[in-house]
Amino acid sequence: MKEKTLGYPIHIVDVFTDKPLAGNQLAVVLDAGEIAPEIMQRIAREMNFSETAVVMPPSQREHAARVRIFTPATELPYAGHPTVGTAWVLATQGLIAGGGLQFTLEEGVGPVAVRGERGPDGLTFWMTHPPLTFGDVITDRGRIAAAIGLDEKDLLPDVPLQVASTGYEFLYIPLRDAQAVDAAISDKAGLIGAFPGREPFPVFPFAAVGADRLYSRMFAPVIGLEEDPATGSGSGPLGAVAVKYGLVPRSRRVSITSEQGTKMGRRSIINIRLEYDADGDIPTRIEVGGAVMPVVSGTLVGADA
């Protein structure tokens, strides 16, 4: 079969950082409606970042774009740093009608609202999370601690290991301090053994390091992410878990900063905003935002056999 040359704009950006060559790397492929899904997956494997975003025309005119998100191994229905980074690329490349900074992206979980804020440090983008659900509490604490290379004494006493999701489930593991977070390891075999009979949750070990500051990491080796430098989709629920169990003070409006990726040399700063009614553990609104730095712009050239 004759090869078809690909020529699609591609931008590589670092998300959740105000310094280039830090944060979480993202490749954004534009005008990609003609690319077959299996080629999208191969492109993500070629880029070998934690995620690659592929942008296509939306199915509804009122939306800005449709976005498919791929790790090197699989497609995801939804992810945070690709949402924030793709929104920034679309806005800075003049691809939003009227130059607006508030628009909607179509992802696997449905419409995701994003908005930009201009400030002294440039353009920051925020994404609004889908509704939050709290899942299971994992009671075998020693087994989970061992799966990430720790002892049960490294876990924060009297705080549950909580599953939570705004479209993708994570297991949140509260630890005693930042040193324990740094001591954790990403172990695919250990996590598979810790969840017999089902696919392991991506795990989110974290510690409170101030009244409104968290220090976190995220491991998802089963889907090809040994460690993620910044996880926007998991950081919204992370903030809600921290508030639910008293690690961050509760109020009607909560602002939290989560530092992630430092251990792997890609320090990321993720801003989390939560809004609550007078009662209940479920925020009425969750936003996650951060800065984006451009790194590379060019043309994706390959072969669609």
Protein backbone atom coordinates (compact mmCIF):
# COMPACT_ATOMS: atom_id res chain seq x y z
CA MET A 1 0.00 0.00 0.00
CA LYS A 2 1.27 3.46 -0.87
CA GLU A 3 2.42 5.51 2.09
CA LYS A 4 0.57 8.72 2.90
CA THR A 5 2.79 11.49 4.19
CA LEU A 6 1.67 13.13 7.40
CA GLY A 7 2.14 16.82 7.87
CA TYR A 8 0.45 18.01 11.04
CA PRO A 9 1.40 20.91 13.32
CA ILE A 10 2.84 19.65 16.60
CA HIS A 11 3.71 21.58 19.74
CA ILE A 12 5.66 20.29 22.72
CA VAL A 13 4.95 22.17 25.93
CA ASP A 14 5.78 21.78 29.61
CA VAL A 15 2.65 21.98 31.77
CA PHE A 16 2.30 23.10 35.40
CA THR A 17 5.56 25.03 35.39
CA ASP A 18 6.73 28.58 34.73
CA LYS A 19 10.19 27.33 33.74
CA PRO A 20 10.98 25.41 30.56
CA LEU A 21 12.31 21.86 30.85
CA ALA A 22 10.36 21.24 34.05
CA GLY A 23 6.74 20.29 34.74
CA ASN A 24 5.01 17.62 32.67
CA GLN A 25 5.86 17.22 29.01
CA LEU A 26 3.03 17.16 26.50
CA ALA A 27 2.89 16.78 22.74
CA VAL A 28 -0.15 18.38 21.08
CA VAL A 29 -0.92 17.33 17.50
CA LEU A 30 -3.25 19.77 15.71
CA ASP A 31 -5.61 19.32 12.73
CA ALA A 32 -5.45 15.56 13.24
CA GLY A 33 -8.93 14.51 12.13
CA GLU A 34 -7.55 12.35 9.31
CA ILE A 35 -5.21 10.30 11.49
CA ALA A 36 -6.41 6.77 12.27
CA PRO A 37 -6.64 5.90 16.00
CA GLU A 38 -3.97 3.20 15.72
CA ILE A 39 -1.59 5.78 14.25
CA MET A 40 -2.44 8.18 17.07
CA GLN A 41 -1.34 5.48 19.51
CA ARG A 42 1.89 4.95 17.58
CA ILE A 43 2.59 8.68 17.64
CA ALA A 44 2.16 8.69 21.42
CA ARG A 45 4.56 5.76 21.69
CA GLU A 46 7.03 7.63 19.48
CA MET A 47 6.81 10.78 21.62
CA ASN A 48 7.09 8.65 24.79
CA PHE A 49 5.76 11.37 27.08
CA SER A 50 3.29 10.50 29.80
CA GLU A 51 0.55 11.74 27.43
CA THR A 52 0.11 13.01 23.90
CA ALA A 53 -3.00 14.99 22.91
CA VAL A 54 -4.49 14.72 19.43
CA VAL A 55 -6.81 17.56 18.41
CA MET A 56 -9.69 17.15 15.95
CA PRO A 57 -12.78 19.14 14.97
CA PRO A 58 -15.54 19.05 17.62
CA SER A 59 -18.77 17.13 17.18
CA GLN A 60 -20.76 20.17 18.38
CA ARG A 61 -20.26 23.65 16.97
CA GLU A 62 -20.34 25.34 20.38
CA HIS A 63 -17.26 23.40 21.48
CA ALA A 64 -13.71 24.41 20.57
CA ALA A 65 -12.22 21.01 19.71
CA ARG A 66 -12.29 17.28 20.30
CA VAL A 67 -9.24 15.93 22.11
CA ARG A 68 -8.08 12.32 22.30
CA ILE A 69 -5.40 11.55 24.88
CA PHE A 70 -2.88 8.72 24.67
CA THR A 71 -0.17 7.39 26.95
CA PRO A 72 2.57 5.39 25.19
CA ALA A 73 0.51 2.26 25.91
CA THR A 74 -3.20 3.16 25.84
CA GLU A 75 -5.88 5.80 25.30
CA LEU A 76 -7.31 7.66 28.30
CA PRO A 77 -10.84 9.06 28.53
CA TYR A 78 -9.63 12.17 30.33
CA ALA A 79 -6.45 13.66 31.79
CA GLY A 80 -5.51 16.95 33.38
CA HIS A 81 -2.20 18.17 32.05
CA PRO A 82 -3.18 17.36 28.43
CA THR A 83 -6.38 19.38 28.94
CA VAL A 84 -4.56 22.39 30.38
CA GLY A 85 -1.71 22.18 27.87
CA THR A 86 -3.97 21.70 24.86
CA ALA A 87 -6.15 24.65 25.91
CA TRP A 88 -3.04 26.83 26.16
CA VAL A 89 -1.81 25.75 22.72
CA LEU A 90 -5.20 26.39 21.08
CA ALA A 91 -5.44 29.84 22.66
CA THR A 92 -1.87 30.92 21.91
CA GLN A 93 -2.04 29.63 18.33
CA GLY A 94 -5.15 31.74 17.64
CA LEU A 95 -7.39 28.70 17.17
CA ILE A 96 -10.25 29.84 19.40
CA ALA A 97 -12.99 31.83 17.70
CA GLY A 98 -12.91 35.46 18.74
CA GLY A 99 -9.74 34.93 20.75
CA GLY A 100 -11.73 33.86 23.81
CA LEU A 101 -10.12 32.35 26.87
CA GLN A 102 -13.18 30.43 28.05
CA PHE A 103 -14.23 27.40 26.00
CA THR A 104 -15.08 23.70 26.09
CA LEU A 105 -13.09 20.69 24.93
CA GLU A 106 -14.68 17.34 24.09
CA GLU A 107 -12.93 14.40 25.78
CA GLY A 108 -13.78 10.78 26.42
CA VAL A 109 -15.67 11.65 29.61
CA GLY A 110 -17.68 14.35 27.83
CA PRO A 111 -17.35 18.17 27.69
CA VAL A 112 -14.58 19.69 29.83
CA ALA A 113 -14.67 23.45 30.48
CA VAL A 114 -11.41 25.41 30.47
CA ARG A 115 -10.59 29.05 31.03
CA GLY A 116 -7.50 31.21 30.77
CA GLU A 117 -6.30 33.90 33.16
CA ARG A 118 -3.81 36.56 32.11
CA GLY A 119 -1.41 37.67 34.82
CA PRO A 120 2.06 39.11 35.35
CA ASP A 121 3.63 35.72 34.60
CA GLY A 122 1.68 35.16 31.39
CA LEU A 123 -1.33 33.03 30.53
CA THR A 124 -2.46 30.40 33.03
CA PHE A 125 -5.13 27.87 32.15
CA TRP A 126 -7.66 26.21 34.44
CA MET A 127 -9.84 23.17 33.83
CA THR A 128 -13.11 22.41 35.58
CA HIS A 129 -13.34 18.81 36.74
CA PRO A 130 -16.35 16.60 36.15
CA PRO A 131 -18.31 15.72 39.33
CA LEU A 132 -16.35 13.98 42.08
CA THR A 133 -17.13 10.56 43.50
CA PHE A 134 -15.49 8.90 46.48
CA GLY A 135 -15.01 5.17 45.95
CA ASP A 136 -13.77 2.38 48.17
CA VAL A 137 -11.63 2.73 51.26
CA ILE A 138 -8.83 0.17 51.04
CA THR A 139 -8.43 -1.47 54.42
CA ASP A 140 -5.33 -3.66 53.87
CA ARG A 141 -2.92 -0.85 54.65
CA GLY A 142 0.18 -3.01 55.04
CA ARG A 143 -0.34 -4.64 51.64
CA ILE A 144 -0.67 -1.28 49.89
CA ALA A 145 2.33 0.20 51.70
CA ALA A 146 4.45 -2.80 50.69
CA ALA A 147 3.31 -2.47 47.07
CA ILE A 148 5.02 0.95 46.87
CA GLY A 149 8.10 -0.10 48.83
CA LEU A 150 7.10 1.29 52.24
CA ASP A 151 6.17 0.02 55.69
CA GLU A 152 2.76 0.49 57.23
CA LYS A 153 4.34 2.90 59.73
CA ASP A 154 5.02 5.27 56.81
CA LEU A 155 1.27 5.74 56.31
CA LEU A 156 -0.41 8.63 58.08
CA PRO A 157 -2.24 7.12 61.09
CA ASP A 158 -6.03 7.29 61.25
CA VAL A 159 -6.42 8.58 57.67
CA PRO A 160 -7.97 6.10 55.20
CA LEU A 161 -6.57 4.98 51.87
CA GLN A 162 -9.31 6.46 49.70
CA VAL A 163 -10.28 5.85 46.08
CA ALA A 164 -11.70 8.95 44.38
CA SER A 165 -12.43 10.02 40.83
CA THR A 166 -13.60 12.85 38.61
CA GLY A 167 -13.50 10.60 35.57
CA TYR A 168 -10.50 8.39 36.31
CA GLU A 169 -10.02 6.51 39.58
CA PHE A 170 -6.93 6.95 41.74
CA LEU A 171 -6.03 5.49 45.12
CA TYR A 172 -4.85 8.27 47.45
CA ILE A 173 -2.26 7.15 50.01
CA PRO A 174 -1.65 9.70 52.81
CA LEU A 175 1.91 9.43 54.16
CA ARG A 176 3.57 10.87 57.25
CA ASP A 177 5.85 13.37 55.50
CA ALA A 178 7.55 14.37 52.25
CA GLN A 179 10.47 12.03 53.00
CA ALA A 180 8.11 9.06 52.97
CA VAL A 181 6.63 10.26 49.68
CA ASP A 182 10.12 10.42 48.17
CA ALA A 183 10.93 6.93 49.48
CA ALA A 184 7.98 5.34 47.64
CA ILE A 185 8.67 3.35 44.47
CA SER A 186 6.72 2.56 41.33
CA ASP A 187 6.54 -1.24 41.18
CA LYS A 188 4.29 -2.78 38.53
CA ALA A 189 4.53 -6.32 39.92
CA GLY A 190 3.93 -5.08 43.47
CA LEU A 191 0.81 -3.17 42.49
CA ILE A 192 -0.57 -6.07 40.47
CA GLY A 193 -0.07 -8.31 43.49
CA ALA A 194 -1.77 -5.79 45.77
CA PHE A 195 -4.99 -5.85 43.71
CA PRO A 196 -5.62 -9.52 42.91
CA GLY A 197 -8.33 -10.15 40.37
CA ARG A 198 -8.54 -6.60 39.04
CA GLU A 199 -6.43 -3.98 37.34
CA PRO A 200 -4.54 -1.93 39.94
CA PHE A 201 -5.55 1.63 40.63
CA PRO A 202 -3.04 4.33 39.75
CA VAL A 203 -1.68 5.31 43.16
CA PHE A 204 -1.15 8.81 44.53
CA PRO A 205 1.11 8.88 47.61
CA PHE A 206 1.08 12.33 49.19
CA ALA A 207 1.76 14.28 52.38
CA ALA A 208 0.52 17.56 53.80
CA VAL A 209 3.52 19.90 54.12
CA GLY A 210 1.67 23.05 55.22
CA ALA A 211 -1.81 24.36 55.88
CA ASP A 212 -2.60 24.53 52.17
CA ARG A 213 0.32 22.68 50.58
CA LEU A 214 0.66 19.06 49.50
CA TYR A 215 3.66 17.11 48.23
CA SER A 216 2.70 14.28 45.89
CA ARG A 217 3.71 11.65 43.37
CA MET A 218 1.68 9.41 41.03
CA PHE A 219 2.48 5.90 39.81
CA ALA A 220 0.55 4.06 37.09
CA PRO A 221 2.99 1.48 35.70
CA VAL A 222 0.22 -0.85 34.53
CA ILE A 223 -0.78 1.70 31.86
CA GLY A 224 2.81 2.56 30.99
CA LEU A 225 3.40 5.48 33.39
CA GLU A 226 6.12 4.54 35.84
CA GLU A 227 5.72 8.00 37.35
CA ASP A 228 3.88 11.10 36.22
CA PRO A 229 5.47 14.53 36.82
CA ALA A 230 2.08 16.26 37.15
CA THR A 231 -1.40 14.73 37.20
CA GLY A 232 -4.12 17.31 36.74
CA SER A 233 -6.98 14.78 36.61
CA GLY A 234 -5.84 13.31 39.91
CA SER A 235 -5.02 16.58 41.66
CA GLY A 236 -8.61 17.79 41.94
CA PRO A 237 -9.71 14.67 43.86
CA LEU A 238 -6.42 14.84 45.79
CA GLY A 239 -7.46 18.22 47.16
CA ALA A 240 -10.93 16.91 48.04
CA VAL A 241 -9.44 13.89 49.86
CA ALA A 242 -7.11 16.19 51.83
CA VAL A 243 -10.06 18.37 52.89
CA LYS A 244 -12.33 15.39 53.66
CA TYR A 245 -9.84 13.98 56.16
CA GLY A 246 -8.74 17.27 57.72
CA LEU A 247 -5.28 17.52 56.16
CA VAL A 248 -6.25 20.88 54.68
CA PRO A 249 -8.61 23.22 56.57
CA ARG A 250 -12.19 23.22 55.31
CA SER A 251 -13.91 26.43 54.17
CA ARG A 252 -16.43 27.47 51.53
CA ARG A 253 -13.53 28.14 49.13
CA VAL A 254 -10.28 26.25 49.44
CA SER A 255 -7.05 26.95 47.56
CA ILE A 256 -4.30 24.32 47.63
CA THR A 257 -0.89 24.04 45.99
CA SER A 258 0.38 20.55 45.18
CA GLU A 259 4.05 20.02 44.31
CA GLN A 260 4.61 16.94 42.16
CA GLY A 261 7.43 15.57 40.01
CA THR A 262 10.26 16.93 42.15
CA LYS A 263 11.70 13.49 42.93
CA MET A 264 12.04 12.74 39.21
CA GLY A 265 13.66 16.10 38.40
CA ARG A 266 10.58 17.72 36.83
CA ARG A 267 9.13 19.92 39.57
CA SER A 268 5.50 20.81 38.88
CA ILE A 269 3.23 23.24 40.70
CA ILE A 270 -0.48 22.41 40.44
CA ASN A 271 -3.05 24.86 41.78
CA ILE A 272 -6.29 23.38 43.11
CA ARG A 273 -9.46 25.34 43.88
CA LEU A 274 -12.43 23.75 45.61
CA GLU A 275 -15.84 25.19 46.43
CA TYR A 276 -18.21 23.67 49.01
CA ASP A 277 -21.75 24.14 50.18
CA ALA A 278 -22.31 24.41 53.91
CA ASP A 279 -22.52 20.63 54.30
CA GLY A 280 -21.06 17.58 52.62
CA ASP A 281 -17.70 16.23 51.53
CA ILE A 282 -18.28 16.63 47.79
CA PRO A 283 -17.08 19.96 46.34
CA THR A 284 -19.62 21.75 44.18
CA ARG A 285 -16.79 22.91 41.94
CA ILE A 286 -13.22 21.69 41.38
CA GLU A 287 -10.69 23.54 39.26
CA VAL A 288 -7.06 22.70 38.59
CA GLY A 289 -4.72 25.13 36.88
CA GLY A 290 -1.17 26.10 36.17
CA ALA A 291 1.31 27.73 33.87
CA VAL A 292 2.48 26.31 30.54
CA MET A 293 5.85 26.80 28.85
CA PRO A 294 6.46 26.29 25.11
CA VAL A 295 9.42 24.10 24.20
CA VAL A 296 9.20 22.95 20.56
CA SER A 297 6.95 23.78 17.59
CA GLY A 298 7.15 21.97 14.27
CA THR A 299 5.53 19.54 11.86
CA LEU A 300 4.79 15.90 12.49
CA VAL A 301 6.04 13.98 9.45
CA GLY A 302 5.59 10.23 9.22
CA ALA A 303 3.88 7.52 7.27
CA ASP A 304 0.31 6.23 7.46
CA ALA A 305 0.66 2.92 5.71
